Each structure stands twice: as structure tokens, then as C-alpha cells.
Amino acid sequence: SLRQFASGFIGLQNHSDNDRIEFRNIRVKEL
């Protein structure tokens, strides 16, 4: 859901840039 997506993204904001890049790759695969 959109809420889960937002929560996951906010959580990743607290991690390193590497984690954020990996998250972006996962998001692209889902699209």
C-alpha cells in the first residue's frame, strides 16, 4: 500500500546513500 511504501522510504532516509540507491532500484523493478 502507499502507506507502507511511505513508511519504508522514511525508514531508509536514516540509512546510508547506498541503501537509498538500492531502494530506488527495487522501486523501479516493481514498476
PDB file of N, CA and C in Angstrom:
ATOM      1  N   SER A   1       0.839  -1.203   0.000  1.00  0.00           N
ATOM      2  CA  SER A   1       0.000   0.000   0.000  1.00  0.00           C
ATOM      3  C   SER A   1       0.871   1.249   0.000  1.00  0.00           C
ATOM      4  N   LEU A   2       0.261   2.371  -0.298  1.00  0.00           N
ATOM      5  CA  LEU A   2       1.012   3.632  -0.348  1.00  0.00           C
ATOM      6  C   LEU A   2       1.574   3.980   1.022  1.00  0.00           C
ATOM      7  N   ARG A   3       0.829   3.671   2.074  1.00  0.00           N
ATOM      8  CA  ARG A   3       1.297   3.985   3.426  1.00  0.00           C
ATOM      9  C   ARG A   3       2.533   3.155   3.762  1.00  0.00           C
ATOM     10  N   GLN A   4       2.517   1.869   3.419  1.00  0.00           N
ATOM     11  CA  GLN A   4       3.684   1.017   3.670  1.00  0.00           C
ATOM     12  C   GLN A   4       4.883   1.553   2.897  1.00  0.00           C
ATOM     13  N   PHE A   5       4.637   1.945   1.657  1.00  0.00           N
ATOM     14  CA  PHE A   5       5.699   2.476   0.806  1.00  0.00           C
ATOM     15  C   PHE A   5       6.316   3.715   1.437  1.00  0.00           C
ATOM     16  N   ALA A   6       5.477   4.629   1.918  1.00  0.00           N
ATOM     17  CA  ALA A   6       5.963   5.860   2.530  1.00  0.00           C
ATOM     18  C   ALA A   6       6.757   5.552   3.795  1.00  0.00           C
ATOM     19  N   SER A   7       6.255   4.628   4.607  1.00  0.00           N
ATOM     20  CA  SER A   7       6.946   4.281   5.850  1.00  0.00           C
ATOM     21  C   SER A   7       8.312   3.684   5.545  1.00  0.00           C
ATOM     22  N   GLY A   8       8.378   2.820   4.547  1.00  0.00           N
ATOM     23  CA  GLY A   8       9.652   2.209   4.179  1.00  0.00           C
ATOM     24  C   GLY A   8      10.633   3.252   3.680  1.00  0.00           C
ATOM     25  N   PHE A   9      10.134   4.206   2.897  1.00  0.00           N
ATOM     26  CA  PHE A   9      11.006   5.241   2.352  1.00  0.00           C
ATOM     27  C   PHE A   9      11.543   6.118   3.470  1.00  0.00           C
ATOM     28  N   ILE A  10      10.685   6.504   4.408  1.00  0.00           N
ATOM     29  CA  ILE A  10      11.115   7.341   5.532  1.00  0.00           C
ATOM     30  C   ILE A  10      12.167   6.592   6.348  1.00  0.00           C
ATOM     31  N   GLY A  11      11.976   5.291   6.522  1.00  0.00           N
ATOM     32  CA  GLY A  11      12.940   4.485   7.275  1.00  0.00           C
ATOM     33  C   GLY A  11      14.291   4.482   6.579  1.00  0.00           C
ATOM     34  N   LEU A  12      14.274   4.393   5.257  1.00  0.00           N
ATOM     35  CA  LEU A  12      15.526   4.345   4.516  1.00  0.00           C
ATOM     36  C   LEU A  12      16.257   5.678   4.555  1.00  0.00           C
ATOM     37  N   GLN A  13      15.536   6.769   4.812  1.00  0.00           N
ATOM     38  CA  GLN A  13      16.182   8.078   4.891  1.00  0.00           C
ATOM     39  C   GLN A  13      17.247   8.078   5.994  1.00  0.00           C
ATOM     40  N   ASN A  14      17.081   7.214   6.993  1.00  0.00           N
ATOM     41  CA  ASN A  14      18.006   7.178   8.118  1.00  0.00           C
ATOM     42  C   ASN A  14      19.226   6.309   7.825  1.00  0.00           C
ATOM     43  N   HIS A  15      19.256   5.654   6.657  1.00  0.00           N
ATOM     44  CA  HIS A  15      20.368   4.776   6.314  1.00  0.00           C
ATOM     45  C   HIS A  15      21.343   5.503   5.388  1.00  0.00           C
ATOM     46  N   SER A  16      22.310   4.768   4.909  1.00  0.00           N
ATOM     47  CA  SER A  16      23.327   5.366   4.047  1.00  0.00           C
ATOM     48  C   SER A  16      22.791   5.607   2.643  1.00  0.00           C
ATOM     49  N   ASP A  17      23.533   6.358   1.850  1.00  0.00           N
ATOM     50  CA  ASP A  17      23.133   6.610   0.467  1.00  0.00           C
ATOM     51  C   ASP A  17      23.064   5.297  -0.309  1.00  0.00           C
ATOM     52  N   ASN A  18      23.932   4.348   0.019  1.00  0.00           N
ATOM     53  CA  ASN A  18      23.912   3.048  -0.651  1.00  0.00           C
ATOM     54  C   ASN A  18      22.557   2.388  -0.490  1.00  0.00           C
ATOM     55  N   ASP A  19      22.018   2.416   0.725  1.00  0.00           N
ATOM     56  CA  ASP A  19      20.717   1.800   0.981  1.00  0.00           C
ATOM     57  C   ASP A  19      19.632   2.507   0.184  1.00  0.00           C
ATOM     58  N   ARG A  20      19.724   3.803   0.070  1.00  0.00           N
ATOM     59  CA  ARG A  20      18.705   4.551  -0.664  1.00  0.00           C
ATOM     60  C   ARG A  20      18.759   4.217  -2.156  1.00  0.00           C
ATOM     61  N   ILE A  21      19.974   4.074  -2.687  1.00  0.00           N
ATOM     62  CA  ILE A  21      20.115   3.717  -4.103  1.00  0.00           C
ATOM     63  C   ILE A  21      19.519   2.331  -4.335  1.00  0.00           C
ATOM     64  N   GLU A  22      19.786   1.400  -3.422  1.00  0.00           N
ATOM     65  CA  GLU A  22      19.243   0.049  -3.555  1.00  0.00           C
ATOM     66  C   GLU A  22      17.721   0.094  -3.514  1.00  0.00           C
ATOM     67  N   PHE A  23      17.165   0.923  -2.639  1.00  0.00           N
ATOM     68  CA  PHE A  23      15.716   1.064  -2.523  1.00  0.00           C
ATOM     69  C   PHE A  23      15.136   1.589  -3.831  1.00  0.00           C
ATOM     70  N   ARG A  24      15.811   2.547  -4.440  1.00  0.00           N
ATOM     71  CA  ARG A  24      15.335   3.098  -5.715  1.00  0.00           C
ATOM     72  C   ARG A  24      15.317   2.007  -6.773  1.00  0.00           C
ATOM     73  N   ASN A  25      16.339   1.159  -6.795  1.00  0.00           N
ATOM     74  CA  ASN A  25      16.389   0.072  -7.772  1.00  0.00           C
ATOM     75  C   ASN A  25      15.226  -0.881  -7.568  1.00  0.00           C
ATOM     76  N   ILE A  26      14.905  -1.182  -6.313  1.00  0.00           N
ATOM     77  CA  ILE A  26      13.788  -2.072  -6.013  1.00  0.00           C
ATOM     78  C   ILE A  26      12.485  -1.438  -6.486  1.00  0.00           C
ATOM     79  N   ARG A  27      12.332  -0.157  -6.261  1.00  0.00           N
ATOM     80  CA  ARG A  27      11.103   0.534  -6.661  1.00  0.00           C
ATOM     81  C   ARG A  27      10.946   0.481  -8.181  1.00  0.00           C
ATOM     82  N   VAL A  28      12.030   0.667  -8.910  1.00  0.00           N
ATOM     83  CA  VAL A  28      11.963   0.629 -10.373  1.00  0.00           C
ATOM     84  C   VAL A  28      11.540  -0.757 -10.834  1.00  0.00           C
ATOM     85  N   LYS A  29      12.074  -1.810 -10.201  1.00  0.00           N
ATOM     86  CA  LYS A  29      11.711  -3.177 -10.590  1.00  0.00           C
ATOM     87  C   LYS A  29      10.225  -3.424 -10.378  1.00  0.00           C
ATOM     88  N   GLU A  30       9.668  -2.890  -9.290  1.00  0.00           N
ATOM     89  CA  GLU A  30       8.250  -3.096  -9.010  1.00  0.00           C
ATOM     90  C   GLU A  30       7.380  -2.384 -10.032  1.00  0.00           C
ATOM     91  N   LEU A  31       7.848  -1.246 -10.534  1.00  0.00           N
ATOM     92  CA  LEU A  31       7.086  -0.511 -11.546  1.00  0.00           C
ATOM     93  C   LEU A  31       7.175  -1.236 -12.880  1.00  0.00           C
TER      94      LEU A  31
END
